[in-house]
Amino acid sequence: MKPNFTLNQRFVDHLIQAILIFASVFLAFWMNEYRISKSEEQETNEALESILSETENNLQILERWTPYHLELVKKSNSLTERQIDSIGNFDLGFIIESEKGIFREVLTNDAWNYLNQSNIKVEIEKKLLIAKIYEQQKYVENALKDILEFLKERETFRDSFAKENFMIFGKLIAELYGQEIAMIDSYKRAIQELNSKK
């Protein structure tokens, strides 16, 4: 004998309501996750675009300044002992164009700082590439800092150190130029890789 199993209408209504509530809650969670995922994806793309833009801007800065720094290296190397002796003091006016100074633009790392401070998820390969670029950029910044610090030292104002000061300046500006050339190459490779991974 089969058991007599019947569902009354009220139970069916409650069951349907429960299923609809469950489905709507599940859909709401899914929609929220989807929205968060899309927002994170957009934020990541914007951060990577900022990195790319900043890298291109820094490259342009170095491409503007590197020929001038090469000129300073050549002028510094071409000074003879006789010329230095006749100058009598460490006067950069014989090497540097006063209206240009040494470096009047700033390499930035704002996009890199933003990428590190926020919860942006970037593929490890891209993040390592970006980190390498900004780490190498520090060498250029440090080479420039070394020149500026050297120019503030008291010994640069002593006539008796003129010869040594010209030699030191020549080495420092050559180091800056060398770091810039290496950095330009690295910027170009990074830009190419970042563009190819879009």
Protein backbone atom coordinates (compact mmCIF):
# COMPACT_ATOMS: atom_id res chain seq x y z
CA MET A 1 0.00 0.00 0.00
CA LYS A 2 1.39 3.39 -1.06
CA PRO A 3 1.64 6.18 1.52
CA ASN A 4 -0.70 9.03 0.85
CA PHE A 5 1.49 12.15 0.59
CA THR A 6 -0.16 15.42 -0.35
CA LEU A 7 1.10 18.95 -0.21
CA ASN A 8 -1.33 21.58 0.80
CA GLN A 9 -1.33 24.86 -1.10
CA ARG A 10 -0.01 26.88 1.84
CA PHE A 11 3.13 24.73 2.10
CA VAL A 12 3.73 25.02 -1.66
CA ASP A 13 3.40 28.82 -1.46
CA HIS A 14 5.92 28.96 1.41
CA LEU A 15 8.30 26.69 -0.48
CA ILE A 16 8.11 28.86 -3.60
CA GLN A 17 8.66 32.00 -1.52
CA ALA A 18 11.67 30.41 0.20
CA ILE A 19 13.16 29.41 -3.17
CA LEU A 20 12.58 32.93 -4.56
CA ILE A 21 14.15 34.54 -1.47
CA PHE A 22 17.16 32.21 -1.69
CA ALA A 23 17.51 32.89 -5.43
CA SER A 24 17.26 36.66 -4.96
CA VAL A 25 19.84 36.65 -2.11
CA PHE A 26 22.15 34.45 -4.18
CA LEU A 27 21.69 36.74 -7.20
CA ALA A 28 22.38 39.82 -5.05
CA PHE A 29 25.62 38.26 -3.74
CA TRP A 30 26.64 37.29 -7.25
CA MET A 31 25.87 40.77 -8.61
CA ASN A 32 27.87 42.35 -5.77
CA GLU A 33 30.86 40.06 -6.44
CA TYR A 34 30.60 40.80 -10.15
CA ARG A 35 30.48 44.55 -9.50
CA ILE A 36 33.51 44.36 -7.15
CA SER A 37 35.40 42.25 -9.68
CA LYS A 38 34.66 44.72 -12.49
CA SER A 39 35.61 47.66 -10.27
CA GLU A 40 38.93 46.00 -9.34
CA GLU A 41 39.61 45.20 -12.99
CA GLN A 42 38.94 48.82 -13.98
CA GLU A 43 41.12 50.12 -11.14
CA THR A 44 43.95 47.76 -12.17
CA ASN A 45 43.71 48.88 -15.81
CA GLU A 46 43.75 52.54 -14.76
CA ALA A 47 46.78 51.95 -12.51
CA LEU A 48 48.66 50.17 -15.30
CA GLU A 49 47.77 52.97 -17.73
CA SER A 50 49.16 55.46 -15.19
CA ILE A 51 52.37 53.44 -14.88
CA LEU A 52 52.70 53.33 -18.66
CA SER A 53 52.02 57.06 -18.97
CA GLU A 54 54.50 57.91 -16.22
CA THR A 55 57.17 55.68 -17.75
CA GLU A 56 56.68 57.31 -21.16
CA ASN A 57 56.87 60.76 -19.56
CA ASN A 58 60.07 59.87 -17.67
CA LEU A 59 61.55 58.50 -20.89
CA GLN A 60 60.81 61.77 -22.69
CA ILE A 61 62.47 63.74 -19.87
CA LEU A 62 65.65 61.68 -20.13
CA GLU A 63 65.64 61.88 -23.92
CA ARG A 64 65.52 65.68 -23.62
CA TRP A 65 68.31 65.92 -21.04
CA THR A 66 70.74 63.14 -22.00
CA PRO A 67 72.21 64.91 -25.07
CA TYR A 68 72.91 67.96 -22.90
CA HIS A 69 74.55 65.78 -20.24
CA LEU A 70 76.72 64.17 -22.92
CA GLU A 71 77.76 67.67 -23.95
CA LEU A 72 78.70 68.40 -20.32
CA VAL A 73 80.74 65.18 -20.18
CA LYS A 74 82.61 66.19 -23.35
CA LYS A 75 83.22 69.75 -22.13
CA SER A 76 84.41 68.47 -18.78
CA ASN A 77 86.76 65.95 -20.40
CA SER A 78 88.12 68.52 -22.84
CA LEU A 79 89.34 70.90 -20.13
CA THR A 80 93.12 70.80 -20.04
CA GLU A 81 95.23 71.33 -16.96
CA ARG A 82 96.42 74.61 -18.46
CA GLN A 83 92.82 75.81 -18.88
CA ILE A 84 91.96 74.80 -15.32
CA ASP A 85 95.07 76.57 -14.01
CA SER A 86 94.15 79.71 -15.94
CA ILE A 87 90.57 79.58 -14.60
CA GLY A 88 91.99 79.44 -11.09
CA ASN A 89 88.81 78.32 -9.38
CA PHE A 90 86.05 75.77 -9.82
CA ASP A 91 83.72 77.69 -12.10
CA LEU A 92 81.05 75.57 -13.76
CA GLY A 93 80.29 78.44 -16.11
CA PHE A 94 83.01 76.96 -18.35
CA ILE A 95 81.00 73.74 -18.63
CA ILE A 96 77.34 74.36 -17.80
CA GLU A 97 74.92 76.58 -19.67
CA SER A 98 73.56 78.76 -16.88
CA GLU A 99 70.03 78.88 -18.30
CA LYS A 100 69.85 75.08 -18.27
CA GLY A 101 71.61 74.25 -15.04
CA ILE A 102 72.19 70.53 -14.62
CA PHE A 103 68.70 69.06 -14.59
CA ARG A 104 65.46 71.02 -14.39
CA GLU A 105 62.83 68.33 -14.66
CA VAL A 106 61.81 65.63 -12.21
CA LEU A 107 61.47 61.91 -12.84
CA THR A 108 58.27 60.90 -11.09
CA ASN A 109 57.14 57.71 -9.34
CA ASP A 110 53.61 58.72 -8.30
CA ALA A 111 51.90 55.92 -10.24
CA TRP A 112 54.23 53.35 -8.65
CA ASN A 113 53.48 54.73 -5.17
CA TYR A 114 49.75 54.55 -5.91
CA LEU A 115 50.05 50.98 -7.15
CA ASN A 116 51.86 49.95 -3.95
CA GLN A 117 49.58 51.77 -1.52
CA SER A 118 46.27 50.55 -2.86
CA ASN A 119 44.78 47.08 -3.01
CA ILE A 120 45.24 46.80 -6.74
CA LYS A 121 45.86 43.26 -7.92
CA VAL A 122 48.43 43.11 -10.70
CA GLU A 123 49.90 39.97 -12.21
CA ILE A 124 53.20 39.15 -10.50
CA GLU A 125 55.11 39.25 -13.80
CA LYS A 126 53.93 42.81 -14.53
CA LYS A 127 54.53 43.97 -10.97
CA LEU A 128 58.10 42.64 -11.02
CA LEU A 129 58.77 44.39 -14.33
CA ILE A 130 57.40 47.67 -12.97
CA ALA A 131 59.33 47.32 -9.70
CA LYS A 132 62.56 46.75 -11.64
CA ILE A 133 62.05 49.94 -13.63
CA TYR A 134 61.44 52.12 -10.60
CA GLU A 135 64.36 50.50 -8.76
CA GLN A 136 66.65 51.32 -11.67
CA GLN A 137 65.25 54.86 -11.80
CA LYS A 138 66.68 55.37 -8.30
CA TYR A 139 70.19 55.01 -9.75
CA VAL A 140 69.57 57.99 -12.04
CA GLU A 141 68.08 59.98 -9.16
CA ASN A 142 71.02 59.07 -6.90
CA ALA A 143 73.57 60.05 -9.57
CA LEU A 144 71.89 63.45 -9.86
CA LYS A 145 71.72 63.78 -6.09
CA ASP A 146 75.47 63.05 -5.86
CA ILE A 147 76.21 65.94 -8.24
CA LEU A 148 73.98 68.35 -6.35
CA GLU A 149 75.48 67.37 -3.02
CA PHE A 150 78.99 67.72 -4.42
CA LEU A 151 78.22 71.25 -5.60
CA LYS A 152 77.16 72.21 -2.06
CA GLU A 153 80.40 71.06 -0.44
CA ARG A 154 82.72 73.75 0.90
CA GLU A 155 85.68 72.33 -1.01
CA THR A 156 84.08 73.39 -4.29
CA PHE A 157 84.65 77.02 -3.24
CA ARG A 158 88.36 76.59 -2.50
CA ASP A 159 90.62 77.66 -5.35
CA SER A 160 93.28 75.17 -4.31
CA PHE A 161 90.89 72.30 -5.10
CA ALA A 162 89.86 73.59 -8.55
CA LYS A 163 91.61 70.84 -10.51
CA GLU A 164 90.24 68.05 -8.30
CA ASN A 165 86.76 69.58 -8.37
CA PHE A 166 86.67 69.70 -12.17
CA MET A 167 87.83 66.06 -12.26
CA ILE A 168 85.23 64.98 -9.69
CA PHE A 169 82.48 66.85 -11.51
CA GLY A 170 83.53 65.19 -14.78
CA LYS A 171 83.24 61.75 -13.20
CA LEU A 172 79.90 62.53 -11.57
CA ILE A 173 78.32 63.91 -14.75
CA ALA A 174 79.66 60.91 -16.70
CA GLU A 175 78.04 58.60 -14.12
CA LEU A 176 74.73 60.44 -14.48
CA TYR A 177 74.94 60.21 -18.26
CA GLY A 178 75.73 56.47 -18.11
CA GLN A 179 72.80 55.80 -15.78
CA GLU A 180 70.49 57.80 -18.06
CA ILE A 181 71.51 55.84 -21.16
CA ALA A 182 70.86 52.54 -19.35
CA MET A 183 67.56 53.89 -18.01
CA ILE A 184 66.36 55.00 -21.45
CA ASP A 185 66.94 51.50 -22.78
CA SER A 186 65.10 49.96 -19.80
CA TYR A 187 62.18 52.40 -20.14
CA LYS A 188 61.79 51.49 -23.82
CA ARG A 189 61.82 47.76 -23.12
CA ALA A 190 59.34 48.14 -20.25
CA ILE A 191 56.97 50.26 -22.37
CA GLN A 192 57.10 47.65 -25.12
CA GLU A 193 56.41 44.80 -22.68
CA LEU A 194 53.60 46.65 -20.90
CA ASN A 195 51.96 47.49 -24.23
CA SER A 196 52.25 43.88 -25.42
CA LYS A 197 50.58 42.56 -22.23
CA LYS A 198 47.47 44.73 -22.43
